[in-house]
Amino acid sequence: MSGAATLPRHMSERFSHRLRVRYDECDQQGVVFNSHYFAFFDVVLTEAFRHAGCPYQEMTAKGTDAMVAEAHAHYRAPARFDDEVELEWWITRLGNKSMSTRIDVKRDGEVLVEGEMRHVFVDLVKGGTKPMPDEVRTALQPYVEETETEAAARA
């Protein structure tokens, strides 16, 4: 076994946001309809940016937006009407023009849904992709979780 595989993983800050499942988010079986989880992911992203000190509306007012390029969800267990769920969010990759995030939806510590999203930063004036603004990168850096390989390369 290589030494890199035994290195401890750098744990990032993880942002958590709680919400209560509303009746209209449930299907006829009484569980959260699958597409609503993507709305939950958007809520936690917006709240995480605010918590990090770079409110989303300030970034867009300065001409930059982050658009969804990919979104995935792995459904493990259902949430139901009036459940209080915790959305745990962190960054798995912070690139030059994009970032990838992970969102775990939990109820009482049990992971119900594992979400992954990739956002691309775009220029709202000129169109097209653009580098992530420095102030946004700095604000989000504490939420980046390094892999064992990245930690080994940095060591």
C-alpha atoms as a PDB file:
ATOM      1  CA  MET A   1       0.000   0.000   0.000  1.00  0.00           C
ATOM      2  CA  SER A   2       1.354   3.460  -0.860  1.00  0.00           C
ATOM      3  CA  GLY A   3       1.925   6.125   1.783  1.00  0.00           C
ATOM      4  CA  ALA A   4      -0.546   8.456   0.068  1.00  0.00           C
ATOM      5  CA  ALA A   5      -3.444   6.113   0.758  1.00  0.00           C
ATOM      6  CA  THR A   6      -2.785   6.268   4.514  1.00  0.00           C
ATOM      7  CA  LEU A   7      -2.654  10.044   4.780  1.00  0.00           C
ATOM      8  CA  PRO A   8      -5.530  11.621   6.658  1.00  0.00           C
ATOM      9  CA  ARG A   9      -8.032  13.473   4.526  1.00  0.00           C
ATOM     10  CA  HIS A  10      -8.230  17.241   4.970  1.00  0.00           C
ATOM     11  CA  MET A  11     -11.713  17.905   6.318  1.00  0.00           C
ATOM     12  CA  SER A  12     -13.252  21.109   5.122  1.00  0.00           C
ATOM     13  CA  GLU A  13     -15.856  23.220   6.770  1.00  0.00           C
ATOM     14  CA  ARG A  14     -19.271  21.886   5.933  1.00  0.00           C
ATOM     15  CA  PHE A  15     -22.238  24.179   5.752  1.00  0.00           C
ATOM     16  CA  SER A  16     -25.542  22.901   7.117  1.00  0.00           C
ATOM     17  CA  HIS A  17     -29.003  24.284   6.556  1.00  0.00           C
ATOM     18  CA  ARG A  18     -32.234  22.867   7.938  1.00  0.00           C
ATOM     19  CA  LEU A  19     -35.623  22.948   6.291  1.00  0.00           C
ATOM     20  CA  ARG A  20     -39.002  21.373   6.875  1.00  0.00           C
ATOM     21  CA  VAL A  21     -40.648  19.404   4.064  1.00  0.00           C
ATOM     22  CA  ARG A  22     -43.804  21.150   2.893  1.00  0.00           C
ATOM     23  CA  TYR A  23     -46.948  19.349   1.796  1.00  0.00           C
ATOM     24  CA  ASP A  24     -46.708  20.536  -1.822  1.00  0.00           C
ATOM     25  CA  GLU A  25     -43.221  18.990  -2.149  1.00  0.00           C
ATOM     26  CA  CYS A  26     -44.667  15.495  -1.681  1.00  0.00           C
ATOM     27  CA  ASP A  27     -46.162  13.126  -4.236  1.00  0.00           C
ATOM     28  CA  GLN A  28     -49.258  10.943  -3.913  1.00  0.00           C
ATOM     29  CA  GLN A  29     -47.264   8.371  -1.960  1.00  0.00           C
ATOM     30  CA  GLY A  30     -46.539  11.024   0.697  1.00  0.00           C
ATOM     31  CA  VAL A  31     -42.805  11.291   0.026  1.00  0.00           C
ATOM     32  CA  VAL A  32     -40.759  14.159  -1.367  1.00  0.00           C
ATOM     33  CA  PHE A  33     -41.042  14.104  -5.160  1.00  0.00           C
ATOM     34  CA  ASN A  34     -37.565  13.520  -6.597  1.00  0.00           C
ATOM     35  CA  SER A  35     -37.201  16.822  -8.474  1.00  0.00           C
ATOM     36  CA  HIS A  36     -37.721  18.829  -5.276  1.00  0.00           C
ATOM     37  CA  TYR A  37     -34.341  17.655  -4.009  1.00  0.00           C
ATOM     38  CA  PHE A  38     -32.711  19.727  -6.755  1.00  0.00           C
ATOM     39  CA  ALA A  39     -34.565  22.778  -5.443  1.00  0.00           C
ATOM     40  CA  PHE A  40     -33.260  21.896  -1.959  1.00  0.00           C
ATOM     41  CA  PHE A  41     -29.725  21.769  -3.429  1.00  0.00           C
ATOM     42  CA  ASP A  42     -30.226  25.270  -4.827  1.00  0.00           C
ATOM     43  CA  VAL A  43     -31.436  26.546  -1.445  1.00  0.00           C
ATOM     44  CA  VAL A  44     -28.369  25.231   0.376  1.00  0.00           C
ATOM     45  CA  LEU A  45     -26.010  26.640  -2.287  1.00  0.00           C
ATOM     46  CA  THR A  46     -27.531  30.112  -1.905  1.00  0.00           C
ATOM     47  CA  GLU A  47     -27.381  29.908   1.894  1.00  0.00           C
ATOM     48  CA  ALA A  48     -23.796  28.598   1.815  1.00  0.00           C
ATOM     49  CA  PHE A  49     -22.664  31.522  -0.354  1.00  0.00           C
ATOM     50  CA  ARG A  50     -24.348  33.926   2.094  1.00  0.00           C
ATOM     51  CA  HIS A  51     -22.725  32.183   5.086  1.00  0.00           C
ATOM     52  CA  ALA A  52     -19.320  32.317   3.380  1.00  0.00           C
ATOM     53  CA  GLY A  53     -19.601  36.096   3.063  1.00  0.00           C
ATOM     54  CA  CYS A  54     -20.295  36.331  -0.666  1.00  0.00           C
ATOM     55  CA  PRO A  55     -24.077  36.555  -1.026  1.00  0.00           C
ATOM     56  CA  TYR A  56     -25.172  35.216  -4.383  1.00  0.00           C
ATOM     57  CA  GLN A  57     -27.010  38.396  -5.360  1.00  0.00           C
ATOM     58  CA  GLU A  58     -23.815  40.446  -4.822  1.00  0.00           C
ATOM     59  CA  MET A  59     -21.919  38.148  -7.179  1.00  0.00           C
ATOM     60  CA  THR A  60     -24.601  38.432  -9.866  1.00  0.00           C
ATOM     61  CA  ALA A  61     -24.806  42.219  -9.381  1.00  0.00           C
ATOM     62  CA  LYS A  62     -21.092  42.316 -10.274  1.00  0.00           C
ATOM     63  CA  GLY A  63     -21.740  40.410 -13.526  1.00  0.00           C
ATOM     64  CA  THR A  64     -20.950  36.800 -12.591  1.00  0.00           C
ATOM     65  CA  ASP A  65     -23.335  33.884 -12.226  1.00  0.00           C
ATOM     66  CA  ALA A  66     -22.790  30.195 -11.487  1.00  0.00           C
ATOM     67  CA  MET A  67     -24.919  27.998 -13.743  1.00  0.00           C
ATOM     68  CA  VAL A  68     -25.611  24.316 -13.240  1.00  0.00           C
ATOM     69  CA  ALA A  69     -23.701  22.169 -15.724  1.00  0.00           C
ATOM     70  CA  GLU A  70     -24.399  18.800 -14.064  1.00  0.00           C
ATOM     71  CA  ALA A  71     -26.611  17.569 -11.247  1.00  0.00           C
ATOM     72  CA  HIS A  72     -26.951  14.078  -9.831  1.00  0.00           C
ATOM     73  CA  ALA A  73     -28.872  12.548  -6.953  1.00  0.00           C
ATOM     74  CA  HIS A  74     -28.628   9.119  -5.382  1.00  0.00           C
ATOM     75  CA  TYR A  75     -31.837   8.377  -3.480  1.00  0.00           C
ATOM     76  CA  ARG A  76     -31.330   6.131  -0.459  1.00  0.00           C
ATOM     77  CA  ALA A  77     -34.457   6.715   1.658  1.00  0.00           C
ATOM     78  CA  PRO A  78     -37.531   8.964   1.441  1.00  0.00           C
ATOM     79  CA  ALA A  79     -38.274  12.171   3.294  1.00  0.00           C
ATOM     80  CA  ARG A  80     -41.926  12.815   4.097  1.00  0.00           C
ATOM     81  CA  PHE A  81     -44.229  15.741   4.766  1.00  0.00           C
ATOM     82  CA  ASP A  82     -43.240  17.741   7.862  1.00  0.00           C
ATOM     83  CA  ASP A  83     -39.869  15.975   8.264  1.00  0.00           C
ATOM     84  CA  GLU A  84     -37.097  18.330   9.252  1.00  0.00           C
ATOM     85  CA  VAL A  85     -34.107  17.619   7.035  1.00  0.00           C
ATOM     86  CA  GLU A  86     -30.546  18.855   7.218  1.00  0.00           C
ATOM     87  CA  LEU A  87     -28.748  19.786   4.006  1.00  0.00           C
ATOM     88  CA  GLU A  88     -25.000  19.353   4.446  1.00  0.00           C
ATOM     89  CA  TRP A  89     -22.950  21.073   1.697  1.00  0.00           C
ATOM     90  CA  TRP A  90     -19.257  21.169   0.826  1.00  0.00           C
ATOM     91  CA  ILE A  91     -16.997  21.642  -2.197  1.00  0.00           C
ATOM     92  CA  THR A  92     -15.288  18.637  -3.748  1.00  0.00           C
ATOM     93  CA  ARG A  93     -13.465  20.601  -6.482  1.00  0.00           C
ATOM     94  CA  LEU A  94     -12.756  24.301  -6.858  1.00  0.00           C
ATOM     95  CA  GLY A  95     -11.476  24.878 -10.388  1.00  0.00           C
ATOM     96  CA  ASN A  96     -10.717  28.045 -12.335  1.00  0.00           C
ATOM     97  CA  LYS A  97     -14.109  28.382 -14.063  1.00  0.00           C
ATOM     98  CA  SER A  98     -16.167  25.744 -12.269  1.00  0.00           C
ATOM     99  CA  MET A  99     -16.768  24.075  -8.945  1.00  0.00           C
ATOM    100  CA  SER A 100     -18.205  20.740  -7.881  1.00  0.00           C
ATOM    101  CA  THR A 101     -20.170  20.315  -4.690  1.00  0.00           C
ATOM    102  CA  ARG A 102     -21.677  17.545  -2.616  1.00  0.00           C
ATOM    103  CA  ILE A 103     -24.953  17.839  -0.748  1.00  0.00           C
ATOM    104  CA  ASP A 104     -26.154  15.204   1.704  1.00  0.00           C
ATOM    105  CA  VAL A 105     -29.807  15.389   2.718  1.00  0.00           C
ATOM    106  CA  LYS A 106     -30.154  13.909   6.208  1.00  0.00           C
ATOM    107  CA  ARG A 107     -32.897  13.194   8.703  1.00  0.00           C
ATOM    108  CA  ASP A 108     -31.756  12.501  12.256  1.00  0.00           C
ATOM    109  CA  GLY A 109     -28.249  11.732  10.945  1.00  0.00           C
ATOM    110  CA  GLU A 110     -29.430   9.249   8.305  1.00  0.00           C
ATOM    111  CA  VAL A 111     -28.389  10.136   4.749  1.00  0.00           C
ATOM    112  CA  LEU A 112     -31.531  10.143   2.608  1.00  0.00           C
ATOM    113  CA  VAL A 113     -30.102  11.598  -0.610  1.00  0.00           C
ATOM    114  CA  GLU A 114     -26.539  12.114  -1.850  1.00  0.00           C
ATOM    115  CA  GLY A 115     -26.378  14.999  -4.309  1.00  0.00           C
ATOM    116  CA  GLU A 116     -23.600  16.238  -6.554  1.00  0.00           C
ATOM    117  CA  MET A 117     -23.575  19.393  -8.642  1.00  0.00           C
ATOM    118  CA  ARG A 118     -21.113  21.109 -10.947  1.00  0.00           C
ATOM    119  CA  HIS A 119     -21.505  24.835 -11.526  1.00  0.00           C
ATOM    120  CA  VAL A 120     -19.753  26.834 -14.251  1.00  0.00           C
ATOM    121  CA  PHE A 121     -19.078  30.527 -13.722  1.00  0.00           C
ATOM    122  CA  VAL A 122     -20.391  32.733 -16.522  1.00  0.00           C
ATOM    123  CA  ASP A 123     -20.153  36.375 -17.550  1.00  0.00           C
ATOM    124  CA  LEU A 124     -23.629  37.924 -17.394  1.00  0.00           C
ATOM    125  CA  VAL A 125     -22.628  40.837 -19.661  1.00  0.00           C
ATOM    126  CA  LYS A 126     -20.511  39.218 -22.395  1.00  0.00           C
ATOM    127  CA  GLY A 127     -21.833  35.682 -22.125  1.00  0.00           C
ATOM    128  CA  GLY A 128     -19.674  32.578 -21.949  1.00  0.00           C
ATOM    129  CA  THR A 129     -17.609  31.169 -19.146  1.00  0.00           C
ATOM    130  CA  LYS A 130     -15.252  33.224 -17.039  1.00  0.00           C
ATOM    131  CA  PRO A 131     -12.857  32.643 -14.166  1.00  0.00           C
ATOM    132  CA  MET A 132     -14.373  32.579 -10.719  1.00  0.00           C
ATOM    133  CA  PRO A 133     -13.970  36.008  -9.078  1.00  0.00           C
ATOM    134  CA  ASP A 134     -11.079  36.087  -6.583  1.00  0.00           C
ATOM    135  CA  GLU A 135     -13.317  37.218  -3.707  1.00  0.00           C
ATOM    136  CA  VAL A 136     -15.667  34.295  -4.349  1.00  0.00           C
ATOM    137  CA  ARG A 137     -12.755  31.813  -4.445  1.00  0.00           C
ATOM    138  CA  THR A 138     -11.353  33.190  -1.194  1.00  0.00           C
ATOM    139  CA  ALA A 139     -14.751  33.012   0.522  1.00  0.00           C
ATOM    140  CA  LEU A 140     -15.402  29.438  -0.632  1.00  0.00           C
ATOM    141  CA  GLN A 141     -11.905  28.021  -0.004  1.00  0.00           C
ATOM    142  CA  PRO A 142     -12.671  26.860   3.583  1.00  0.00           C
ATOM    143  CA  TYR A 143     -15.386  24.551   2.208  1.00  0.00           C
ATOM    144  CA  VAL A 144     -13.068  22.634  -0.149  1.00  0.00           C
ATOM    145  CA  GLU A 145     -12.420  19.061   0.941  1.00  0.00           C
ATOM    146  CA  GLU A 146      -9.153  17.686  -0.368  1.00  0.00           C
ATOM    147  CA  THR A 147      -8.887  14.100  -1.486  1.00  0.00           C
ATOM    148  CA  GLU A 148      -6.096  11.941  -0.095  1.00  0.00           C
ATOM    149  CA  THR A 149      -4.250  12.301  -3.411  1.00  0.00           C
ATOM    150  CA  GLU A 150      -4.455  16.110  -3.299  1.00  0.00           C
ATOM    151  CA  ALA A 151      -3.269  16.162   0.320  1.00  0.00           C
ATOM    152  CA  ALA A 152      -0.323  13.924  -0.599  1.00  0.00           C
ATOM    153  CA  ALA A 153       0.628  16.188  -3.516  1.00  0.00           C
ATOM    154  CA  ARG A 154       0.532  19.218  -1.228  1.00  0.00           C
ATOM    155  CA  ALA A 155       2.665  17.534   1.474  1.00  0.00           C
END
